[in-house]
Protein backbone atom coordinates (compact mmCIF):
# COMPACT_ATOMS: atom_id res chain seq x y z
CA MET A 1 -10.87 -25.16 25.71
CA ALA A 2 -8.74 -23.00 23.71
CA VAL A 3 -8.60 -19.10 24.57
CA VAL A 4 -9.62 -17.21 21.31
CA THR A 5 -8.72 -13.63 20.73
CA LYS A 6 -11.73 -11.03 19.95
CA LEU A 7 -9.71 -10.04 16.89
CA THR A 8 -11.05 -11.05 13.53
CA TRP A 9 -8.75 -13.35 11.41
CA SER A 10 -8.47 -10.33 9.00
CA GLN A 11 -7.46 -7.95 11.76
CA GLN A 12 -4.88 -10.29 13.27
CA LYS A 13 -3.47 -10.94 10.05
CA SER A 14 -3.24 -7.07 9.35
CA LEU A 15 -1.67 -6.44 12.46
CA GLU A 16 0.80 -9.09 11.90
CA LYS A 17 1.96 -7.71 8.67
CA MET A 18 2.01 -4.03 9.94
CA LEU A 19 4.46 -5.25 12.71
CA GLY A 20 6.68 -6.47 10.23
CA ASN A 21 5.30 -10.05 9.27
CA VAL A 22 5.27 -11.34 12.97
CA SER A 23 3.30 -13.89 14.64
CA LEU A 24 0.88 -13.02 17.50
CA ARG A 25 0.25 -15.51 20.32
CA LEU A 26 -2.53 -14.94 22.89
CA LEU A 27 -0.77 -15.00 26.40
CA TYR A 28 -3.54 -13.41 28.47
CA LYS A 29 -7.46 -12.60 28.14
CA SER A 30 -8.97 -10.73 31.08
CA SER A 31 -12.40 -12.53 30.80
CA VAL A 32 -10.56 -15.81 30.86
CA HIS A 33 -7.68 -15.30 33.17
CA GLU A 34 -9.40 -12.73 35.62
CA SER A 35 -9.21 -9.02 35.27
CA ASP A 36 -6.26 -8.59 37.71
CA ILE A 37 -2.73 -7.30 37.22
CA ARG A 38 -1.27 -10.11 39.18
CA ARG A 39 -2.51 -12.67 36.79
CA MET A 40 -1.83 -10.60 33.77
CA ASN A 41 1.94 -10.66 34.98
CA GLU A 42 1.65 -14.39 35.75
CA LYS A 43 0.99 -14.94 32.03
CA CYS A 44 3.08 -12.25 30.49
CA THR A 45 6.35 -11.41 32.19
CA ARG A 46 9.65 -12.61 30.72
CA GLN A 47 7.78 -13.40 27.45
CA GLY A 48 9.69 -10.92 25.48
CA PRO A 49 7.88 -8.29 23.05
CA THR A 50 4.29 -7.93 23.64
CA VAL A 51 1.17 -6.17 22.37
CA THR A 52 -1.46 -5.44 24.70
CA ILE A 53 -4.90 -4.61 23.12
CA ILE A 54 -8.28 -3.27 24.75
CA TYR A 55 -11.68 -3.08 23.25
CA VAL A 56 -13.63 -0.01 24.07
CA GLY A 57 -17.02 0.15 22.35
CA ASN A 58 -16.32 0.14 18.54
CA PHE A 59 -12.68 1.00 18.92
CA VAL A 60 -9.61 -1.21 19.23
CA LEU A 61 -6.70 0.46 21.14
CA GLY A 62 -3.21 -1.33 21.78
CA VAL A 63 0.37 -0.70 22.66
CA PHE A 64 3.11 -2.79 21.26
CA MET A 65 6.20 -2.84 23.76
CA LEU A 66 9.58 -4.11 22.27
CA GLY A 67 11.11 -4.96 25.75
CA ASP A 68 9.73 -7.47 28.31
CA HIS A 69 6.39 -7.02 30.12
CA PRO A 70 6.93 -5.15 33.25
CA GLU A 71 7.15 -7.01 36.31
CA GLU A 72 5.41 -5.95 39.56
CA HIS A 73 8.37 -5.66 42.18
CA ASN A 74 10.81 -4.43 39.61
CA ASN A 75 11.79 -0.56 39.49
CA LEU A 76 11.20 1.46 36.38
CA LYS A 77 12.19 -0.11 33.15
CA ARG A 78 14.72 1.73 30.96
CA ALA A 79 12.94 3.80 28.02
CA ASN A 80 12.09 1.82 24.95
CA PRO A 81 10.30 2.87 21.87
CA SER A 82 6.61 1.72 22.08
CA PHE A 83 4.18 1.67 19.24
CA TYR A 84 0.48 3.08 20.24
CA PHE A 85 -2.27 2.33 17.88
CA SER A 86 -6.13 2.67 17.43
CA PHE A 87 -8.70 1.60 14.83
CA GLN A 88 -12.49 1.30 14.46
CA LYS A 89 -13.37 -2.55 14.42
CA ASN A 90 -14.85 -2.31 10.88
CA ASP A 91 -11.93 -0.25 9.38
CA ILE A 92 -8.13 -1.49 10.49
CA ASN A 93 -6.81 0.19 7.31
CA ALA A 94 -7.76 3.64 8.80
CA MET A 95 -5.42 2.95 11.90
CA LYS A 96 -3.90 5.93 13.64
CA THR A 97 -0.44 5.28 15.03
CA ALA A 98 2.07 7.13 17.52
CA VAL A 99 5.68 6.11 18.61
CA LEU A 100 6.90 7.36 21.98
CA GLU A 101 10.18 6.49 24.35
CA THR A 102 8.23 5.20 27.12
CA GLU A 103 9.21 3.54 30.45
CA THR A 104 6.72 1.04 31.84
CA LYS A 105 5.97 0.50 35.56
CA ILE A 106 3.53 -1.56 37.67
CA ASN A 107 2.23 0.68 40.36
CA SER A 108 -0.93 0.02 42.67
CA GLY A 109 -2.31 -2.59 40.48
CA GLN A 110 -2.02 -0.57 37.37
CA MET A 111 0.50 -0.64 34.09
CA VAL A 112 1.58 2.69 33.74
CA CYS A 113 3.86 4.01 30.85
CA TYR A 114 5.74 7.30 30.98
CA SER A 115 7.23 9.41 28.47
CA SER A 116 9.56 12.15 29.54
CA GLY A 117 8.50 11.80 33.14
CA GLN A 118 4.80 12.35 32.11
CA GLU A 119 2.10 9.61 32.25
CA VAL A 120 0.69 9.11 28.76
CA PHE A 121 -1.17 5.66 29.07
CA SER A 122 -2.34 3.53 32.04
CA LEU A 123 -4.22 0.40 32.55
CA HIS A 124 -6.05 -0.82 35.59
CA PRO A 125 -7.06 -4.35 34.98
CA GLY A 126 -8.78 -4.71 38.53
CA GLU A 127 -11.36 -2.05 37.28
CA SER A 128 -11.48 -2.72 33.59
CA SER A 129 -10.47 0.94 33.11
CA PHE A 130 -7.77 2.82 31.22
CA SER A 131 -6.75 6.35 30.77
CA VAL A 132 -4.59 8.25 28.07
CA ASP A 133 -3.25 11.56 28.01
CA ASP A 134 -4.77 14.23 25.85
CA SER A 135 -1.79 14.54 23.40
CA LEU A 136 -1.93 10.77 22.64
CA LYS A 137 -5.48 10.89 22.39
CA ASN A 138 -5.49 13.36 19.76
CA THR A 139 -2.88 11.65 17.82
CA LEU A 140 -4.73 8.29 18.04
CA GLY A 141 -8.18 9.95 17.35
CA ILE A 142 -10.03 8.66 20.59
CA TYR A 143 -11.71 10.85 22.90
CA PHE A 144 -12.41 8.72 26.06
CA ARG A 145 -12.36 10.18 29.50
CA SER A 146 -9.81 9.26 32.05
CA GLY A 147 -11.12 5.94 33.81
CA SER A 148 -13.27 4.87 30.86
CA LYS A 149 -14.15 1.26 31.05
CA TYR A 150 -13.17 -1.36 28.55
CA SER A 151 -14.82 -4.67 27.72
CA GLU A 152 -11.74 -6.98 27.32
CA CYS A 153 -8.17 -6.94 27.48
CA GLU A 154 -5.56 -9.14 25.82
CA VAL A 155 -1.88 -9.43 25.70
CA PHE A 156 0.20 -11.13 22.96
CA HIS A 157 3.41 -12.46 22.58
CA VAL A 158 5.05 -11.32 19.41
CA ASP A 159 7.08 -13.89 17.55
CA GLY A 160 9.42 -12.97 14.92
CA ILE A 161 11.37 -9.98 15.89
CA GLY A 162 15.23 -9.63 15.17
CA ASP A 163 17.59 -8.07 17.63
CA ASP A 164 17.20 -4.48 16.32
CA LYS A 165 16.83 -1.36 18.47
CA ASN A 166 15.40 0.39 15.79
CA TYR A 167 12.74 -2.16 14.87
CA ILE A 168 9.72 -0.14 15.97
CA SER A 169 10.71 3.05 13.90
CA LYS A 170 11.34 0.99 10.87
CA ILE A 171 7.91 -0.93 10.82
CA THR A 172 6.09 2.14 11.61
CA GLY A 173 7.81 4.11 8.85
CA ALA A 174 5.89 2.13 6.24
CA THR A 175 2.48 3.07 7.89
CA LYS A 176 3.62 6.76 8.25
CA HIS A 177 4.50 6.91 4.56
CA ARG A 178 1.56 5.09 3.23
CA ASN A 179 -0.83 7.43 5.14
CA SER A 180 0.84 10.77 4.04
CA LEU A 181 0.58 9.33 0.45
CA LEU A 182 -2.95 8.51 0.83
CA VAL A 183 -3.61 11.93 2.06
CA GLU A 184 -1.73 13.70 -0.99
CA LEU A 185 -3.46 11.46 -3.37
CA ARG A 186 -6.77 11.72 -1.93
CA THR A 187 -6.56 15.74 -2.32
CA TYR A 188 -4.79 15.67 -5.75
CA LYS A 189 -6.01 18.07 -8.51
CA PRO A 190 -4.47 18.38 -12.04
CA CYS A 191 -2.69 21.34 -12.58
CA VAL A 192 -4.58 22.72 -15.29
CA ASP A 193 -8.49 23.69 -14.94
CA PHE A 194 -9.50 22.23 -18.44
CA VAL A 195 -8.47 18.71 -17.60
CA SER A 196 -10.63 17.04 -14.77
CA GLU A 197 -8.77 13.84 -14.80
CA ILE A 198 -5.15 12.36 -15.48
CA ARG A 199 -5.08 9.32 -17.86
CA ILE A 200 -2.41 6.77 -17.63
CA LEU A 201 -2.16 3.96 -20.06
CA LEU A 202 -0.30 0.70 -19.31
CA LEU A 203 1.24 -1.09 -21.95
CA GLY A 204 3.56 -4.04 -21.77
CA PRO A 205 3.87 -7.87 -22.58
CA VAL A 206 1.37 -10.42 -21.92
CA GLY A 207 1.62 -11.31 -17.91
CA SER A 208 3.90 -8.44 -17.14
CA GLY A 209 1.63 -7.02 -14.44
CA LYS A 210 -0.69 -4.31 -16.14
CA SER A 211 -3.88 -5.45 -14.78
CA SER A 212 -2.66 -6.51 -11.44
CA PHE A 213 -1.08 -2.89 -11.08
CA ILE A 214 -4.49 -1.54 -11.63
CA ASN A 215 -6.06 -4.08 -9.34
CA SER A 216 -3.41 -3.09 -6.68
CA VAL A 217 -4.06 0.56 -6.85
CA LYS A 218 -7.85 0.20 -6.62
CA SER A 219 -7.28 -2.13 -3.54
CA VAL A 220 -5.28 0.52 -1.61
CA PHE A 221 -8.04 2.98 -2.15
CA GLN A 222 -10.87 0.54 -1.34
CA GLY A 223 -9.04 -0.73 1.86
CA ARG A 224 -9.51 -4.32 0.84
CA LEU A 225 -8.29 -6.55 -1.97
CA THR A 226 -10.07 -6.14 -5.30
CA ARG A 227 -9.46 -7.83 -8.75
CA GLN A 228 -11.82 -6.06 -11.11
CA ALA A 229 -9.21 -6.03 -13.96
CA ARG A 230 -9.10 -9.55 -15.17
CA VAL A 231 -5.40 -10.87 -14.83
CA GLY A 232 -4.12 -13.72 -17.28
CA SER A 233 -1.25 -15.94 -17.49
CA ASP A 234 2.21 -15.44 -18.44
CA VAL A 235 1.32 -16.90 -21.95
CA THR A 236 -2.26 -15.78 -22.77
CA SER A 237 -3.68 -12.22 -22.52
CA ILE A 238 -6.93 -12.26 -20.68
CA THR A 239 -7.62 -8.37 -21.41
CA GLU A 240 -9.53 -8.20 -24.68
CA GLN A 241 -11.32 -4.99 -24.29
CA TYR A 242 -9.65 -1.51 -23.88
CA ARG A 243 -10.72 -0.36 -20.47
CA ILE A 244 -10.73 2.85 -18.53
CA TYR A 245 -10.60 2.19 -15.01
CA PRO A 246 -11.79 4.99 -12.51
CA ILE A 247 -10.16 5.04 -9.01
CA LYS A 248 -12.84 5.21 -6.29
CA ASP A 249 -11.76 6.29 -2.80
CA GLY A 250 -13.25 3.52 -0.47
CA ARG A 251 -16.94 1.97 -1.06
CA HIS A 252 -19.01 4.94 -0.71
CA GLY A 253 -16.27 7.83 -1.35
CA LYS A 254 -15.72 9.85 -4.31
CA TYR A 255 -13.96 9.04 -7.52
CA LEU A 256 -10.49 10.48 -7.83
CA PRO A 257 -9.17 12.71 -10.62
CA PHE A 258 -7.18 9.97 -12.47
CA ARG A 259 -7.92 6.80 -14.27
CA LEU A 260 -5.66 3.82 -15.51
CA CYS A 261 -6.13 2.51 -18.88
CA ASP A 262 -5.65 -1.08 -19.62
CA SER A 263 -5.36 -3.10 -23.21
CA MET A 264 -4.53 -6.26 -24.64
CA GLY A 265 -0.70 -7.40 -23.85
CA LEU A 266 1.94 -6.88 -26.55
CA HIS A 267 3.29 -9.82 -28.36
CA GLU A 268 6.25 -10.37 -30.66
CA LYS A 269 4.40 -11.91 -33.49
CA GLU A 270 2.18 -9.96 -35.84
CA GLY A 271 -1.52 -10.52 -35.42
CA VAL A 272 -1.03 -11.56 -31.93
CA GLY A 273 -1.71 -9.31 -29.02
CA LEU A 274 -2.46 -5.66 -29.13
CA CYS A 275 -2.82 -4.29 -33.03
CA MET A 276 0.08 -1.46 -33.19
CA GLU A 277 -2.18 0.20 -35.38
CA ASP A 278 -4.64 0.76 -32.53
CA ILE A 279 -2.04 2.67 -30.21
CA PRO A 280 -2.16 6.15 -32.16
CA TYR A 281 -5.93 6.02 -31.61
CA ILE A 282 -5.49 5.08 -27.96
CA LEU A 283 -2.94 8.06 -27.37
CA LYS A 284 -5.37 10.58 -29.14
CA GLY A 285 -8.31 9.49 -27.21
CA CYS A 286 -10.26 8.28 -30.08
CA MET A 287 -10.95 4.69 -28.63
CA PRO A 288 -13.88 4.27 -26.26
CA ASP A 289 -14.14 2.25 -23.12
CA ARG A 290 -14.66 -1.30 -23.51
CA TYR A 291 -13.99 -1.26 -27.07
CA GLN A 292 -13.69 -5.08 -28.25
CA LEU A 293 -9.87 -5.15 -29.40
CA ASN A 294 -8.98 -7.30 -32.43
CA PRO A 295 -5.33 -8.25 -33.03
CA SER A 296 -5.18 -8.26 -36.60
CA ARG A 297 -7.85 -5.46 -37.35
CA PRO A 298 -7.61 -1.79 -35.75
CA ILE A 299 -10.41 0.38 -34.74
CA THR A 300 -11.62 2.61 -37.67
CA PRO A 301 -13.42 6.03 -37.86
CA SER A 302 -16.52 4.43 -39.18
CA HIS A 303 -16.92 2.65 -35.72
CA PRO A 304 -20.09 3.76 -34.15
CA ASN A 305 -18.44 4.70 -30.89
CA PHE A 306 -15.28 6.02 -32.42
CA ILE A 307 -14.19 9.51 -30.65
CA ALA A 308 -13.81 11.51 -33.95
CA SER A 309 -12.79 14.89 -32.30
CA PRO A 310 -11.17 14.00 -28.87
CA SER A 311 -10.38 16.92 -26.54
CA LEU A 312 -7.08 17.16 -24.50
CA LYS A 313 -9.02 15.40 -21.40
CA ASP A 314 -9.69 12.51 -23.58
CA ARG A 315 -5.94 11.85 -24.44
CA ILE A 316 -3.58 9.79 -22.54
CA HIS A 317 -1.47 12.07 -20.52
CA CYS A 318 1.23 9.29 -19.36
CA VAL A 319 2.08 5.76 -20.87
CA ALA A 320 3.56 3.46 -18.30
CA TYR A 321 5.63 0.69 -19.91
CA VAL A 322 5.29 -2.57 -17.77
CA LEU A 323 7.89 -5.21 -17.87
CA ASP A 324 8.61 -8.26 -15.45
CA ILE A 325 11.77 -7.23 -13.72
CA ASN A 326 12.93 -10.84 -13.88
CA SER A 327 12.43 -11.11 -17.46
CA ILE A 328 13.97 -8.20 -19.12
CA ASN A 329 17.01 -10.05 -20.29
CA ASP A 330 14.61 -12.62 -21.83
CA LEU A 331 12.94 -10.22 -24.32
CA SER A 332 13.38 -11.36 -27.89
CA SER A 333 14.85 -8.62 -30.34
CA LYS A 334 11.48 -8.40 -32.14
CA MET A 335 9.77 -7.48 -28.85
CA VAL A 336 12.34 -4.81 -28.04
CA ALA A 337 12.00 -3.57 -31.45
CA LYS A 338 8.11 -3.35 -30.92
CA PHE A 339 8.85 -1.43 -27.67
CA GLN A 340 11.19 1.07 -29.43
CA GLN A 341 8.49 1.48 -32.20
CA ILE A 342 5.85 2.24 -29.73
CA GLN A 343 8.12 4.70 -27.99
CA LYS A 344 8.67 6.63 -31.19
CA GLU A 345 4.88 6.88 -31.62
CA VAL A 346 4.45 7.91 -27.86
CA LEU A 347 7.24 10.78 -28.36
CA SER A 348 5.61 12.21 -31.69
CA TYR A 349 2.76 13.01 -29.45
CA ASP A 350 4.92 14.51 -26.67
CA THR A 351 3.19 12.18 -24.10
CA ALA A 352 5.05 11.74 -20.94
CA CYS A 353 6.25 8.11 -20.23
CA VAL A 354 7.68 6.08 -17.34
CA LEU A 355 9.00 2.54 -17.02
CA LEU A 356 7.19 0.20 -14.40
CA LEU A 357 8.92 -2.87 -13.42
CA THR A 358 6.88 -5.29 -11.42
CA LYS A 359 7.18 -8.52 -9.85
CA ALA A 360 9.81 -7.32 -7.25
CA THR A 361 10.15 -9.02 -4.16
CA ASN A 362 12.04 -6.14 -2.39
CA GLY A 363 9.65 -5.49 0.73
CA GLY A 364 12.41 -6.31 3.03
CA GLU A 365 14.54 -3.46 1.96
CA PHE A 366 11.67 -1.05 2.66
CA LEU A 367 11.38 -2.59 5.97
CA GLN A 368 15.02 -1.52 6.46
CA GLY A 369 14.19 2.16 6.56
CA ASN A 370 15.05 2.72 2.75
CA PHE A 371 11.82 5.00 2.14
CA SER A 372 13.84 7.80 0.63
CA ASN A 373 14.99 5.84 -2.31
CA MET A 374 12.18 3.28 -2.49
CA ASP A 375 11.84 3.67 -6.32
CA LYS A 376 15.30 2.16 -6.79
CA PRO A 377 15.94 -1.03 -4.45
CA MET A 378 19.62 -1.97 -4.54
CA THR A 379 18.87 -5.73 -5.36
CA PHE A 380 17.77 -4.63 -8.82
CA GLN A 381 20.08 -1.95 -10.09
CA SER A 382 21.35 -3.93 -12.81
CA GLN A 383 17.72 -4.82 -14.34
CA ILE A 384 16.86 -1.08 -13.85
CA VAL A 385 19.71 0.40 -15.95
CA ASP A 386 19.31 -2.20 -18.68
CA ALA A 387 15.64 -1.47 -18.95
CA SER A 388 16.04 2.30 -18.89
CA LYS A 389 18.66 1.77 -21.74
CA MET A 390 16.51 -0.51 -23.48
CA LEU A 391 13.58 2.05 -24.02
CA ASN A 392 15.65 5.13 -23.57
CA ILE A 393 13.63 6.17 -20.49
CA PRO A 394 15.61 8.14 -17.67
CA ILE A 395 16.36 6.45 -14.63
CA TYR A 396 14.43 9.06 -12.62
CA ASN A 397 11.30 7.95 -14.49
CA THR A 398 11.88 4.30 -13.94
CA PHE A 399 10.00 2.49 -10.80
CA VAL A 400 9.93 -0.69 -9.28
CA VAL A 401 6.87 -2.27 -7.64
CA GLU A 402 5.44 -5.46 -6.32
CA ASN A 403 1.76 -5.66 -7.06
CA TYR A 404 -0.95 -7.68 -5.09
CA THR A 405 -1.33 -11.29 -6.71
CA SER A 406 -2.27 -14.02 -4.59
CA GLU A 407 -2.57 -12.22 -1.23
CA TRP A 408 -5.61 -12.13 0.97
CA GLU A 409 -4.84 -8.93 3.07
CA LEU A 410 -3.40 -5.56 2.53
CA ASP A 411 0.20 -4.81 3.56
CA PRO A 412 1.30 -1.21 4.41
CA VAL A 413 4.69 -2.00 2.65
CA LYS A 414 3.31 -2.84 -0.45
CA ASP A 415 0.75 -0.06 -0.16
CA THR A 416 3.39 2.29 0.30
CA GLN A 417 5.22 1.09 -3.03
CA ILE A 418 2.08 1.18 -5.04
CA LEU A 419 0.98 4.49 -3.97
CA PHE A 420 4.64 6.18 -4.43
CA VAL A 421 4.61 4.95 -8.00
CA LEU A 422 1.30 6.46 -8.82
CA ARG A 423 2.19 9.63 -7.19
CA GLN A 424 5.34 9.48 -9.68
CA MET A 425 3.24 8.77 -12.49
CA LEU A 426 0.96 11.86 -11.83
CA ARG A 427 4.01 14.11 -11.35
CA VAL A 428 5.46 13.09 -14.86
CA ALA A 429 2.03 13.84 -16.25
CA GLU A 430 1.90 17.13 -14.63
CA ASP A 431 5.17 17.90 -16.58
CA PHE A 432 3.43 17.08 -19.72
CA PHE A 433 0.92 19.89 -19.03
CA GLU A 434 3.46 22.38 -18.04
CA ASP A 435 4.92 21.84 -21.45
CA LEU A 436 1.78 22.58 -23.47
CA PRO A 437 1.85 25.69 -25.65
């Protein structure tokens, strides 16, 4: 009979992505192979990098060791970076992590990890118990006593790791950045008291990724993939209504003080796509949520839901032009002219604007530790410059992102890109408020 992990399929896939798109192969399971250090060693030594996981009540606690699993009769291993993590079974996206330089030793039937000579983690398979030092417990958000019992222990071989001494620090960089950005955005408040929420309008050709970006942002805050905004093909726009999407923090959380506004895609032909005469009404805040757009006929003040006297909070505070980074050079002269016409309109209202380049498959560059310059991956420098010149938007307000499109699970690297871009949009909108009389 095949030995099966207690991790759900979703949990295992999330772990594999977090560790750098690796594969996990189960080597040892205490309930099957005996709860004994000797049996654990027989299954796990000389197998390369491993992840050891224990299940304690509603918690999952683990350690990823880059070196080989320790052998019973060897001396203390040299120090290697080890990645410790914990999460509750029903919420892997709230995972807490720590990276320590640790040496691992088998001693008196236990696997013991030392950091700077101090014991930080120990596992006693014979007694199905474990201990974690106070500092690491606080970091991981767990509060079990020393010698607490676990119900199951599993050890996995980690396949797909290159020969890189800095591997752990690179793959944990995404999770750290993601978590810090989440904290910042969850506590965000507009800089002026008379505006309760920031409104960001996404404008771009059909199929450029406007609705996909909205879905991506909502997914990160929901902790699961969601596709509320309907997504069309590269040819046909499926967005027929003007929508103002609130962003909710978790299934039962609060609504955050920013909203993303979606509209019909732009088209080079007249009478197709978003009507150009609707754009001033959208910018001023006159168009209501769920208004049925008509490519050949704009909204008029006689419409029963027309907002005749919009306040500053109803206005668009930032416009994000959305372009497929792979198709910038394929835009027709008519489409470029239409963008430039819209840009003149946007600037006439002193509205802040940014350029969002989507469909960029650049996760590998972020995995190389390039978080300090994550909005300008080297692979796309020429496209970034071309798009910036075309719309006369500064390079520092041009951002690159890869949306969630066909994935089943969240990825911390993508989450980090998406959150970073959203934060920068809000900062640009803040400049709009600072410039108000």
